[in-house]
Amino acid sequence: MSARVEKLPDGNVKTERVIVGFDAQKLRAPFLLRCGAILIDYILLISIPVASLLIGRSFGNDGSKLLNSEISNVGWLIFLLLALTNFLIFPMFSGQSIGKMITGIRIVKSDGSAPGFASIILRNVVGYPLTLLSGGLGFLIAAFSESGRAVYDYLGNTVVVYAERKVTKKRLIRKPKTTRPKGVTLGKKVETR
């Protein structure tokens, strides 16, 4: 990663982080891993309203009472908030939904930088419904394209990669210098006069 400095017409300076040597082809996430991330997200989200319906049923609600109960409404509200958080807020800040966090994949822009607000909105708010309307064909494109990108990835100019973002620092341990008296070496006896 390196930085680029640009001088703007109004005299201000703009700095930008640039990824050097990013190759989306080498880092693209395997299709089955992407399927696993979507499955985890789906199970997590759908478990909330299902649990609220089961709790409502255990309280004796049945039929229309079950669907219009406060417990069911709270479950759907939690579902909606979790969906917004999982598909908009988390990806804007970390490039990952909960399923992507668990599987170790991440959304990045096609140049390797972090996706912005507009990219995530185009990708998730416009692209996901288009993929659903196409019966999942928009997602299956990722299995057969060389770049591993789905329709919503093309819309948001993003790529899903299987890579760590963290930079690890190696710590070198130096041996302390030892001072020896003159004429003394290790392993040998030296006579002094």
N, C-alpha and C. Protein backbone atom coordinates (compact mmCIF):
# COMPACT_ATOMS: atom_id res chain seq x y z
N MET A 1 0.84 -1.15 0.00
CA MET A 1 0.00 0.00 0.00
C MET A 1 0.90 1.23 0.00
N SER A 2 0.52 2.24 -0.74
CA SER A 2 1.28 3.47 -0.75
C SER A 2 0.30 4.63 -0.74
N ALA A 3 0.83 5.83 -0.63
CA ALA A 3 -0.01 7.01 -0.60
C ALA A 3 0.29 7.89 -1.80
N ARG A 4 -0.74 8.54 -2.30
CA ARG A 4 -0.58 9.46 -3.42
C ARG A 4 -1.09 10.81 -2.94
N VAL A 5 -0.34 11.89 -3.26
CA VAL A 5 -0.72 13.23 -2.86
C VAL A 5 -1.06 14.01 -4.12
N GLU A 6 -2.20 14.71 -4.08
CA GLU A 6 -2.66 15.48 -5.22
C GLU A 6 -2.95 16.89 -4.77
N LYS A 7 -2.60 17.90 -5.56
CA LYS A 7 -2.93 19.27 -5.23
C LYS A 7 -4.20 19.64 -5.99
N LEU A 8 -5.20 20.09 -5.26
CA LEU A 8 -6.47 20.46 -5.84
C LEU A 8 -6.43 21.89 -6.36
N PRO A 9 -7.34 22.28 -7.29
CA PRO A 9 -7.34 23.64 -7.84
C PRO A 9 -7.48 24.74 -6.79
N ASP A 10 -8.15 24.47 -5.69
CA ASP A 10 -8.33 25.50 -4.67
C ASP A 10 -7.13 25.60 -3.73
N GLY A 11 -6.08 24.84 -3.99
CA GLY A 11 -4.85 24.91 -3.20
C GLY A 11 -4.76 23.88 -2.09
N ASN A 12 -5.85 23.19 -1.79
CA ASN A 12 -5.82 22.16 -0.77
C ASN A 12 -5.10 20.92 -1.28
N VAL A 13 -4.63 20.12 -0.36
CA VAL A 13 -3.92 18.90 -0.72
C VAL A 13 -4.81 17.71 -0.38
N LYS A 14 -4.91 16.78 -1.30
CA LYS A 14 -5.71 15.57 -1.10
C LYS A 14 -4.78 14.37 -1.08
N THR A 15 -4.84 13.59 -0.01
CA THR A 15 -4.04 12.36 0.05
C THR A 15 -4.97 11.18 -0.14
N GLU A 16 -4.44 10.15 -0.75
CA GLU A 16 -5.24 8.97 -1.05
C GLU A 16 -4.38 7.74 -0.87
N ARG A 17 -4.96 6.70 -0.29
CA ARG A 17 -4.25 5.43 -0.14
C ARG A 17 -4.49 4.60 -1.39
N VAL A 18 -3.44 4.09 -1.96
CA VAL A 18 -3.51 3.32 -3.19
C VAL A 18 -2.95 1.93 -2.92
N ILE A 19 -3.64 0.90 -3.38
CA ILE A 19 -3.17 -0.47 -3.24
C ILE A 19 -2.21 -0.76 -4.39
N VAL A 20 -1.02 -1.15 -4.06
CA VAL A 20 -0.02 -1.46 -5.08
C VAL A 20 0.03 -2.97 -5.26
N GLY A 21 -0.06 -3.43 -6.50
CA GLY A 21 0.06 -4.85 -6.79
C GLY A 21 -1.17 -5.66 -6.45
N PHE A 22 -2.35 -5.05 -6.41
CA PHE A 22 -3.58 -5.78 -6.10
C PHE A 22 -4.03 -6.55 -7.34
N ASP A 23 -4.28 -7.84 -7.17
CA ASP A 23 -4.76 -8.66 -8.28
C ASP A 23 -6.00 -9.41 -7.82
N ALA A 24 -7.16 -8.92 -8.25
CA ALA A 24 -8.43 -9.51 -7.83
C ALA A 24 -8.57 -10.95 -8.32
N GLN A 25 -7.95 -11.26 -9.43
CA GLN A 25 -8.03 -12.61 -9.99
C GLN A 25 -7.41 -13.63 -9.03
N LYS A 26 -6.28 -13.28 -8.43
CA LYS A 26 -5.59 -14.21 -7.52
C LYS A 26 -6.28 -14.30 -6.16
N LEU A 27 -6.92 -13.21 -5.74
CA LEU A 27 -7.51 -13.15 -4.40
C LEU A 27 -9.01 -13.42 -4.38
N ARG A 28 -9.62 -13.65 -5.52
CA ARG A 28 -11.09 -13.80 -5.54
C ARG A 28 -11.53 -14.96 -4.66
N ALA A 29 -12.67 -14.74 -4.03
CA ALA A 29 -13.21 -15.75 -3.11
C ALA A 29 -13.81 -16.90 -3.90
N PRO A 30 -13.59 -18.14 -3.48
CA PRO A 30 -14.21 -19.28 -4.16
C PRO A 30 -15.73 -19.20 -4.09
N PHE A 31 -16.39 -19.66 -5.14
CA PHE A 31 -17.84 -19.57 -5.24
C PHE A 31 -18.54 -20.27 -4.08
N LEU A 32 -18.07 -21.46 -3.71
CA LEU A 32 -18.71 -22.20 -2.62
C LEU A 32 -18.56 -21.49 -1.27
N LEU A 33 -17.47 -20.78 -1.09
CA LEU A 33 -17.28 -20.01 0.14
C LEU A 33 -18.26 -18.84 0.18
N ARG A 34 -18.50 -18.22 -0.98
CA ARG A 34 -19.50 -17.15 -1.07
C ARG A 34 -20.89 -17.71 -0.78
N CYS A 35 -21.18 -18.90 -1.28
CA CYS A 35 -22.47 -19.55 -0.99
C CYS A 35 -22.61 -19.80 0.50
N GLY A 36 -21.55 -20.24 1.13
CA GLY A 36 -21.56 -20.47 2.58
C GLY A 36 -21.84 -19.20 3.36
N ALA A 37 -21.24 -18.09 2.94
CA ALA A 37 -21.46 -16.81 3.62
C ALA A 37 -22.91 -16.37 3.49
N ILE A 38 -23.49 -16.54 2.30
CA ILE A 38 -24.90 -16.18 2.10
C ILE A 38 -25.81 -17.08 2.93
N LEU A 39 -25.48 -18.36 3.01
CA LEU A 39 -26.27 -19.29 3.80
C LEU A 39 -26.23 -18.93 5.29
N ILE A 40 -25.07 -18.56 5.79
CA ILE A 40 -24.94 -18.15 7.19
C ILE A 40 -25.79 -16.90 7.45
N ASP A 41 -25.70 -15.92 6.54
CA ASP A 41 -26.51 -14.70 6.68
C ASP A 41 -27.99 -15.03 6.68
N TYR A 42 -28.41 -15.90 5.78
CA TYR A 42 -29.82 -16.27 5.66
C TYR A 42 -30.31 -16.98 6.93
N ILE A 43 -29.55 -17.94 7.42
CA ILE A 43 -29.94 -18.68 8.63
C ILE A 43 -30.03 -17.74 9.82
N LEU A 44 -29.05 -16.85 9.94
CA LEU A 44 -29.05 -15.89 11.05
C LEU A 44 -30.29 -14.99 10.99
N LEU A 45 -30.58 -14.46 9.80
CA LEU A 45 -31.71 -13.54 9.68
C LEU A 45 -33.06 -14.23 9.87
N ILE A 46 -33.24 -15.37 9.26
CA ILE A 46 -34.55 -16.03 9.29
C ILE A 46 -34.84 -16.64 10.67
N SER A 47 -33.79 -16.89 11.45
CA SER A 47 -34.01 -17.48 12.77
C SER A 47 -34.72 -16.52 13.72
N ILE A 48 -34.60 -15.23 13.49
CA ILE A 48 -35.23 -14.24 14.39
C ILE A 48 -36.76 -14.30 14.29
N PRO A 49 -37.37 -14.14 13.10
CA PRO A 49 -38.84 -14.24 13.06
C PRO A 49 -39.36 -15.64 13.39
N VAL A 50 -38.61 -16.66 13.04
CA VAL A 50 -39.04 -18.03 13.38
C VAL A 50 -39.07 -18.20 14.89
N ALA A 51 -38.04 -17.71 15.57
CA ALA A 51 -38.00 -17.81 17.03
C ALA A 51 -39.15 -17.02 17.65
N SER A 52 -39.44 -15.83 17.11
CA SER A 52 -40.54 -15.04 17.67
C SER A 52 -41.89 -15.73 17.46
N LEU A 53 -42.07 -16.39 16.32
CA LEU A 53 -43.31 -17.14 16.10
C LEU A 53 -43.42 -18.34 17.05
N LEU A 54 -42.32 -19.02 17.28
CA LEU A 54 -42.33 -20.16 18.21
C LEU A 54 -42.60 -19.70 19.64
N ILE A 55 -42.03 -18.58 20.03
CA ILE A 55 -42.29 -18.05 21.38
C ILE A 55 -43.76 -17.64 21.50
N GLY A 56 -44.28 -16.98 20.45
CA GLY A 56 -45.70 -16.61 20.45
C GLY A 56 -46.61 -17.81 20.54
N ARG A 57 -46.25 -18.87 19.86
CA ARG A 57 -47.04 -20.11 19.89
C ARG A 57 -47.00 -20.75 21.28
N SER A 58 -45.85 -20.65 21.94
CA SER A 58 -45.75 -21.23 23.29
C SER A 58 -46.59 -20.46 24.31
N PHE A 59 -46.91 -19.20 24.01
CA PHE A 59 -47.79 -18.41 24.87
C PHE A 59 -49.26 -18.64 24.54
N GLY A 60 -49.54 -19.54 23.63
CA GLY A 60 -50.92 -19.90 23.34
C GLY A 60 -51.56 -19.12 22.20
N ASN A 61 -50.80 -18.26 21.54
CA ASN A 61 -51.35 -17.53 20.40
C ASN A 61 -51.49 -18.49 19.23
N ASP A 62 -52.55 -18.34 18.47
CA ASP A 62 -52.79 -19.24 17.35
C ASP A 62 -53.43 -18.46 16.21
N GLY A 63 -53.17 -18.88 14.99
CA GLY A 63 -53.80 -18.26 13.82
C GLY A 63 -53.47 -16.80 13.67
N SER A 64 -54.50 -15.96 13.54
CA SER A 64 -54.28 -14.53 13.33
C SER A 64 -53.69 -13.85 14.56
N LYS A 65 -54.00 -14.38 15.75
CA LYS A 65 -53.40 -13.84 16.97
C LYS A 65 -51.89 -14.02 16.96
N LEU A 66 -51.44 -15.13 16.43
CA LEU A 66 -50.00 -15.42 16.38
C LEU A 66 -49.29 -14.43 15.47
N LEU A 67 -49.86 -14.16 14.31
CA LEU A 67 -49.21 -13.27 13.35
C LEU A 67 -49.31 -11.80 13.75
N ASN A 68 -50.31 -11.44 14.54
CA ASN A 68 -50.49 -10.05 14.95
C ASN A 68 -50.08 -9.79 16.40
N SER A 69 -49.39 -10.73 17.01
CA SER A 69 -48.99 -10.56 18.41
C SER A 69 -47.80 -9.60 18.51
N GLU A 70 -47.61 -9.06 19.70
CA GLU A 70 -46.49 -8.15 19.94
C GLU A 70 -45.16 -8.89 19.79
N ILE A 71 -45.11 -10.12 20.20
CA ILE A 71 -43.88 -10.91 20.10
C ILE A 71 -43.48 -11.07 18.64
N SER A 72 -44.44 -11.35 17.78
CA SER A 72 -44.17 -11.50 16.36
C SER A 72 -43.71 -10.17 15.75
N ASN A 73 -44.35 -9.09 16.14
CA ASN A 73 -43.97 -7.77 15.63
C ASN A 73 -42.56 -7.38 16.06
N VAL A 74 -42.22 -7.68 17.31
CA VAL A 74 -40.87 -7.41 17.80
C VAL A 74 -39.86 -8.25 17.02
N GLY A 75 -40.19 -9.51 16.75
CA GLY A 75 -39.30 -10.37 15.97
C GLY A 75 -39.05 -9.83 14.57
N TRP A 76 -40.10 -9.34 13.92
CA TRP A 76 -39.93 -8.77 12.57
C TRP A 76 -39.15 -7.46 12.61
N LEU A 77 -39.32 -6.68 13.67
CA LEU A 77 -38.54 -5.45 13.81
C LEU A 77 -37.06 -5.76 14.00
N ILE A 78 -36.77 -6.73 14.84
CA ILE A 78 -35.36 -7.14 15.04
C ILE A 78 -34.80 -7.68 13.73
N PHE A 79 -35.58 -8.46 12.99
CA PHE A 79 -35.17 -8.97 11.68
C PHE A 79 -34.78 -7.82 10.75
N LEU A 80 -35.63 -6.80 10.67
CA LEU A 80 -35.37 -5.66 9.79
C LEU A 80 -34.11 -4.90 10.20
N LEU A 81 -33.95 -4.65 11.49
CA LEU A 81 -32.76 -3.94 11.98
C LEU A 81 -31.49 -4.75 11.74
N LEU A 82 -31.56 -6.06 11.97
CA LEU A 82 -30.40 -6.91 11.74
C LEU A 82 -30.05 -6.98 10.25
N ALA A 83 -31.07 -7.03 9.39
CA ALA A 83 -30.82 -7.06 7.95
C ALA A 83 -30.15 -5.76 7.49
N LEU A 84 -30.62 -4.61 7.97
CA LEU A 84 -29.99 -3.33 7.61
C LEU A 84 -28.56 -3.27 8.11
N THR A 85 -28.36 -3.72 9.33
CA THR A 85 -27.01 -3.71 9.89
C THR A 85 -26.09 -4.67 9.13
N ASN A 86 -26.58 -5.86 8.84
CA ASN A 86 -25.76 -6.89 8.20
C ASN A 86 -25.43 -6.57 6.75
N PHE A 87 -26.37 -5.98 6.02
CA PHE A 87 -26.15 -5.78 4.60
C PHE A 87 -25.77 -4.36 4.22
N LEU A 88 -25.85 -3.40 5.14
CA LEU A 88 -25.44 -2.03 4.81
C LEU A 88 -24.36 -1.49 5.75
N ILE A 89 -24.62 -1.53 7.04
CA ILE A 89 -23.70 -0.88 7.98
C ILE A 89 -22.38 -1.64 8.09
N PHE A 90 -22.43 -2.96 8.34
CA PHE A 90 -21.19 -3.73 8.43
C PHE A 90 -20.36 -3.65 7.15
N PRO A 91 -20.95 -3.85 5.96
CA PRO A 91 -20.14 -3.75 4.75
C PRO A 91 -19.54 -2.36 4.50
N MET A 92 -20.23 -1.30 4.94
CA MET A 92 -19.68 0.05 4.75
C MET A 92 -18.42 0.26 5.57
N PHE A 93 -18.38 -0.31 6.76
CA PHE A 93 -17.24 -0.07 7.65
C PHE A 93 -16.16 -1.14 7.57
N SER A 94 -16.55 -2.40 7.36
CA SER A 94 -15.54 -3.46 7.36
C SER A 94 -15.47 -4.22 6.04
N GLY A 95 -16.44 -4.03 5.14
CA GLY A 95 -16.46 -4.78 3.89
C GLY A 95 -16.96 -6.19 4.07
N GLN A 96 -17.60 -6.48 5.20
CA GLN A 96 -18.05 -7.84 5.48
C GLN A 96 -19.42 -7.85 6.14
N SER A 97 -20.23 -8.82 5.78
CA SER A 97 -21.44 -9.13 6.53
C SER A 97 -21.03 -10.15 7.60
N ILE A 98 -21.96 -10.55 8.42
CA ILE A 98 -21.63 -11.54 9.46
C ILE A 98 -21.18 -12.86 8.82
N GLY A 99 -21.86 -13.30 7.76
CA GLY A 99 -21.47 -14.52 7.07
C GLY A 99 -20.08 -14.40 6.45
N LYS A 100 -19.77 -13.24 5.91
CA LYS A 100 -18.44 -13.02 5.34
C LYS A 100 -17.36 -12.99 6.42
N MET A 101 -17.71 -12.43 7.59
CA MET A 101 -16.75 -12.42 8.70
C MET A 101 -16.40 -13.85 9.12
N ILE A 102 -17.42 -14.70 9.20
CA ILE A 102 -17.20 -16.08 9.64
C ILE A 102 -16.39 -16.87 8.61
N THR A 103 -16.67 -16.64 7.32
CA THR A 103 -15.97 -17.39 6.28
C THR A 103 -14.63 -16.75 5.87
N GLY A 104 -14.37 -15.54 6.31
CA GLY A 104 -13.08 -14.89 6.03
C GLY A 104 -13.00 -14.23 4.67
N ILE A 105 -14.13 -13.87 4.09
CA ILE A 105 -14.10 -13.16 2.81
C ILE A 105 -14.51 -11.72 3.03
N ARG A 106 -14.19 -10.86 2.06
CA ARG A 106 -14.42 -9.43 2.23
C ARG A 106 -14.74 -8.77 0.90
N ILE A 107 -15.53 -7.71 0.94
CA ILE A 107 -15.88 -6.93 -0.24
C ILE A 107 -14.86 -5.80 -0.37
N VAL A 108 -14.25 -5.68 -1.54
CA VAL A 108 -13.36 -4.55 -1.83
C VAL A 108 -13.73 -3.98 -3.19
N LYS A 109 -13.27 -2.77 -3.46
CA LYS A 109 -13.49 -2.22 -4.79
C LYS A 109 -12.57 -2.95 -5.75
N SER A 110 -12.81 -2.80 -7.03
CA SER A 110 -12.03 -3.57 -8.01
C SER A 110 -10.56 -3.19 -8.01
N ASP A 111 -10.19 -2.05 -7.43
CA ASP A 111 -8.78 -1.68 -7.34
C ASP A 111 -8.16 -2.10 -6.01
N GLY A 112 -8.95 -2.73 -5.14
CA GLY A 112 -8.44 -3.23 -3.87
C GLY A 112 -8.71 -2.33 -2.68
N SER A 113 -9.21 -1.11 -2.92
CA SER A 113 -9.49 -0.20 -1.81
C SER A 113 -10.82 -0.56 -1.15
N ALA A 114 -11.08 0.05 -0.02
CA ALA A 114 -12.32 -0.23 0.72
C ALA A 114 -13.51 0.36 -0.04
N PRO A 115 -14.63 -0.35 -0.07
CA PRO A 115 -15.81 0.18 -0.78
C PRO A 115 -16.42 1.35 -0.01
N GLY A 116 -16.94 2.31 -0.75
CA GLY A 116 -17.57 3.47 -0.14
C GLY A 116 -19.07 3.29 -0.02
N PHE A 117 -19.72 4.34 0.44
CA PHE A 117 -21.16 4.33 0.64
C PHE A 117 -21.90 4.03 -0.66
N ALA A 118 -21.53 4.73 -1.74
CA ALA A 118 -22.23 4.55 -3.02
C ALA A 118 -22.05 3.14 -3.56
N SER A 119 -20.86 2.59 -3.44
CA SER A 119 -20.61 1.23 -3.93
C SER A 119 -21.46 0.20 -3.20
N ILE A 120 -21.56 0.34 -1.87
CA ILE A 120 -22.34 -0.61 -1.08
C ILE A 120 -23.84 -0.46 -1.38
N ILE A 121 -24.31 0.78 -1.53
CA ILE A 121 -25.72 1.00 -1.85
C ILE A 121 -26.05 0.39 -3.20
N LEU A 122 -25.22 0.66 -4.21
CA LEU A 122 -25.47 0.07 -5.54
C LEU A 122 -25.42 -1.45 -5.49
N ARG A 123 -24.43 -1.97 -4.79
CA ARG A 123 -24.24 -3.41 -4.74
C ARG A 123 -25.38 -4.11 -4.02
N ASN A 124 -25.70 -3.64 -2.81
CA ASN A 124 -26.64 -4.36 -1.96
C ASN A 124 -28.10 -3.94 -2.11
N VAL A 125 -28.36 -2.65 -2.30
CA VAL A 125 -29.74 -2.19 -2.37
C VAL A 125 -30.31 -2.35 -3.78
N VAL A 126 -29.49 -2.14 -4.80
CA VAL A 126 -29.96 -2.29 -6.18
C VAL A 126 -29.64 -3.69 -6.72
N GLY A 127 -28.42 -4.16 -6.46
CA GLY A 127 -27.95 -5.42 -7.04
C GLY A 127 -28.60 -6.67 -6.47
N TYR A 128 -28.78 -6.73 -5.14
CA TYR A 128 -29.39 -7.91 -4.54
C TYR A 128 -30.81 -8.14 -5.04
N PRO A 129 -31.68 -7.10 -5.08
CA PRO A 129 -33.03 -7.34 -5.63
C PRO A 129 -33.01 -7.76 -7.10
N LEU A 130 -32.09 -7.20 -7.89
CA LEU A 130 -31.98 -7.62 -9.30
C LEU A 130 -31.61 -9.09 -9.39
N THR A 131 -30.73 -9.52 -8.53
CA THR A 131 -30.33 -10.93 -8.52
C THR A 131 -31.50 -11.82 -8.11
N LEU A 132 -32.27 -11.38 -7.12
CA LEU A 132 -33.45 -12.16 -6.72
C LEU A 132 -34.49 -12.21 -7.83
N LEU A 133 -34.69 -11.08 -8.52
CA LEU A 133 -35.67 -11.05 -9.62
C LEU A 133 -35.26 -11.95 -10.78
N SER A 134 -33.95 -12.14 -10.95
CA SER A 134 -33.48 -13.02 -12.03
C SER A 134 -33.47 -14.49 -11.61
N GLY A 135 -33.99 -14.78 -10.44
CA GLY A 135 -34.02 -16.16 -9.97
C GLY A 135 -32.67 -16.69 -9.55
N GLY A 136 -31.77 -15.80 -9.15
CA GLY A 136 -30.44 -16.21 -8.72
C GLY A 136 -29.41 -16.29 -9.82
N LEU A 137 -29.82 -16.04 -11.06
CA LEU A 137 -28.86 -16.11 -12.18
C LEU A 137 -27.77 -15.06 -12.04
N GLY A 138 -28.12 -13.91 -11.48
CA GLY A 138 -27.13 -12.86 -11.27
C GLY A 138 -26.01 -13.30 -10.34
N PHE A 139 -26.32 -14.20 -9.41
CA PHE A 139 -25.30 -14.73 -8.51
C PHE A 139 -24.52 -15.87 -9.17
N LEU A 140 -25.20 -16.69 -9.94
CA LEU A 140 -24.54 -17.83 -10.60
C LEU A 140 -23.48 -17.38 -11.60
N ILE A 141 -23.58 -16.17 -12.08
CA ILE A 141 -22.56 -15.63 -12.99
C ILE A 141 -21.19 -15.69 -12.32
N ALA A 142 -21.16 -15.49 -11.01
CA ALA A 142 -19.89 -15.51 -10.27
C ALA A 142 -19.21 -16.87 -10.36
N ALA A 143 -19.98 -17.94 -10.51
CA ALA A 143 -19.40 -19.28 -10.59
C ALA A 143 -18.69 -19.49 -11.92
N PHE A 144 -19.15 -18.83 -12.96
CA PHE A 144 -18.62 -19.10 -14.30
C PHE A 144 -17.75 -17.99 -14.87
N SER A 145 -17.74 -16.83 -14.27
CA SER A 145 -16.90 -15.75 -14.80
C SER A 145 -15.48 -15.89 -14.26
N GLU A 146 -14.53 -15.45 -15.05
CA GLU A 146 -13.13 -15.55 -14.65
C GLU A 146 -12.82 -14.67 -13.45
N SER A 147 -13.49 -13.52 -13.40
CA SER A 147 -13.22 -12.58 -12.31
C SER A 147 -13.93 -12.98 -11.02
N GLY A 148 -14.91 -13.90 -11.09
CA GLY A 148 -15.63 -14.33 -9.91
C GLY A 148 -16.62 -13.30 -9.40
N ARG A 149 -17.04 -12.39 -10.27
CA ARG A 149 -17.95 -11.32 -9.88
C ARG A 149 -19.38 -11.63 -10.29
N ALA A 150 -20.32 -11.31 -9.39
CA ALA A 150 -21.74 -11.46 -9.67
C ALA A 150 -22.28 -10.15 -10.24
N VAL A 151 -23.54 -10.13 -10.63
CA VAL A 151 -24.14 -8.93 -11.22
C VAL A 151 -24.03 -7.74 -10.26
N TYR A 152 -24.31 -7.98 -8.98
CA TYR A 152 -24.24 -6.88 -8.03
C TYR A 152 -22.81 -6.40 -7.81
N ASP A 153 -21.82 -7.26 -8.02
CA ASP A 153 -20.42 -6.83 -7.95
C ASP A 153 -20.10 -5.88 -9.10
N TYR A 154 -20.60 -6.20 -10.28
CA TYR A 154 -20.38 -5.31 -11.42
C TYR A 154 -21.06 -3.96 -11.21
N LEU A 155 -22.27 -3.98 -10.62
CA LEU A 155 -22.98 -2.72 -10.37
C LEU A 155 -22.23 -1.83 -9.39
N GLY A 156 -21.72 -2.41 -8.34
CA GLY A 156 -21.02 -1.64 -7.31
C GLY A 156 -19.53 -1.50 -7.56
N ASN A 157 -19.03 -2.03 -8.68
CA ASN A 157 -17.60 -2.01 -9.00
C ASN A 157 -16.79 -2.63 -7.85
N THR A 158 -17.26 -3.78 -7.38
CA THR A 158 -16.62 -4.44 -6.25
C THR A 158 -16.21 -5.87 -6.62
N VAL A 159 -15.40 -6.45 -5.76
CA VAL A 159 -14.94 -7.83 -5.89
C VAL A 159 -14.98 -8.43 -4.49
N VAL A 160 -15.33 -9.70 -4.38
CA VAL A 160 -15.27 -10.38 -3.10
C VAL A 160 -13.99 -11.20 -3.08
N VAL A 161 -13.13 -10.91 -2.11
CA VAL A 161 -11.82 -11.55 -2.04
C VAL A 161 -11.71 -12.38 -0.77
N TYR A 162 -10.82 -13.35 -0.84
CA TYR A 162 -10.52 -14.20 0.30
C TYR A 162 -9.12 -13.83 0.74
N ALA A 163 -9.04 -12.82 1.62
CA ALA A 163 -7.73 -12.32 2.04
C ALA A 163 -7.86 -11.61 3.38
N GLU A 164 -6.78 -11.57 4.10
CA GLU A 164 -6.73 -10.84 5.36
C GLU A 164 -6.40 -9.39 5.07
N ARG A 165 -6.99 -8.51 5.85
CA ARG A 165 -6.70 -7.09 5.70
C ARG A 165 -5.63 -6.65 6.69
N LYS A 166 -5.47 -7.42 7.74
CA LYS A 166 -4.56 -7.05 8.80
C LYS A 166 -3.11 -7.21 8.35
N VAL A 167 -2.28 -6.31 8.81
CA VAL A 167 -0.86 -6.40 8.55
C VAL A 167 -0.21 -6.85 9.84
N THR A 168 0.53 -7.92 9.76
CA THR A 168 1.19 -8.41 10.96
C THR A 168 2.60 -7.86 11.02
N LYS A 169 3.01 -7.54 12.20
CA LYS A 169 4.36 -7.02 12.39
C LYS A 169 5.21 -8.12 12.99
N LYS A 170 6.36 -8.31 12.41
CA LYS A 170 7.29 -9.28 12.98
C LYS A 170 8.21 -8.54 13.93
N ARG A 171 8.45 -9.15 15.04
CA ARG A 171 9.30 -8.54 16.03
C ARG A 171 10.61 -9.30 16.08
N LEU A 172 11.69 -8.58 15.87
CA LEU A 172 13.00 -9.19 15.93
C LEU A 172 13.53 -9.07 17.35
N ILE A 173 14.06 -10.17 17.82
CA ILE A 173 14.64 -10.17 19.16
C ILE A 173 16.15 -10.23 19.00
N ARG A 174 16.78 -9.21 19.51
CA ARG A 174 18.24 -9.16 19.43
C ARG A 174 18.83 -9.63 20.75
N LYS A 175 19.93 -10.35 20.61
CA LYS A 175 20.62 -10.79 21.81
C LYS A 175 21.42 -9.61 22.35
N PRO A 176 21.37 -9.42 23.65
CA PRO A 176 22.14 -8.30 24.22
C PRO A 176 23.63 -8.57 24.11
N LYS A 177 24.37 -7.49 23.89
CA LYS A 177 25.83 -7.61 23.82
C LYS A 177 26.35 -7.86 25.23
N THR A 178 27.28 -8.78 25.30
CA THR A 178 27.90 -9.03 26.61
C THR A 178 29.30 -8.46 26.57
N THR A 179 29.70 -7.89 27.64
CA THR A 179 31.06 -7.36 27.71
C THR A 179 31.91 -8.35 28.49
N ARG A 180 33.01 -8.65 27.91
CA ARG A 180 33.92 -9.60 28.54
C ARG A 180 35.21 -8.86 28.90
N PRO A 181 35.83 -9.31 29.95
CA PRO A 181 37.13 -8.69 30.28
C PRO A 181 38.17 -9.03 29.21
N LYS A 182 39.14 -8.16 29.07
CA LYS A 182 40.19 -8.37 28.07
C LYS A 182 40.89 -9.69 28.30
N GLY A 183 41.15 -10.36 27.20
CA GLY A 183 41.88 -11.61 27.27
C GLY A 183 41.01 -12.82 27.55
N VAL A 184 39.72 -12.67 27.73
CA VAL A 184 38.84 -13.80 27.99
C VAL A 184 37.98 -14.04 26.76
N THR A 185 38.05 -15.26 26.27
CA THR A 185 37.17 -15.65 25.16
C THR A 185 36.40 -16.89 25.59
N LEU A 186 35.34 -17.13 24.94
CA LEU A 186 34.52 -18.28 25.31
C LEU A 186 35.15 -19.56 24.82
N GLY A 187 35.22 -20.56 25.67
CA GLY A 187 35.66 -21.89 25.30
C GLY A 187 37.18 -22.07 25.31
N LYS A 188 37.93 -21.04 25.45
CA LYS A 188 39.37 -21.17 25.44
C LYS A 188 39.96 -20.48 26.68
N LYS A 189 41.02 -21.05 27.15
CA LYS A 189 41.73 -20.39 28.25
C LYS A 189 42.86 -19.60 27.64
N VAL A 190 42.91 -18.37 28.04
CA VAL A 190 43.99 -17.53 27.55
C VAL A 190 44.75 -17.04 28.78
N GLU A 191 46.04 -17.20 28.69
CA GLU A 191 46.88 -16.75 29.80
C GLU A 191 47.24 -15.30 29.60
N THR A 192 47.16 -14.55 30.66
CA THR A 192 47.57 -13.14 30.59
C THR A 192 48.80 -12.96 31.43
N ARG A 193 49.70 -12.04 31.03
CA ARG A 193 50.96 -11.82 31.76
C ARG A 193 51.05 -10.45 32.27
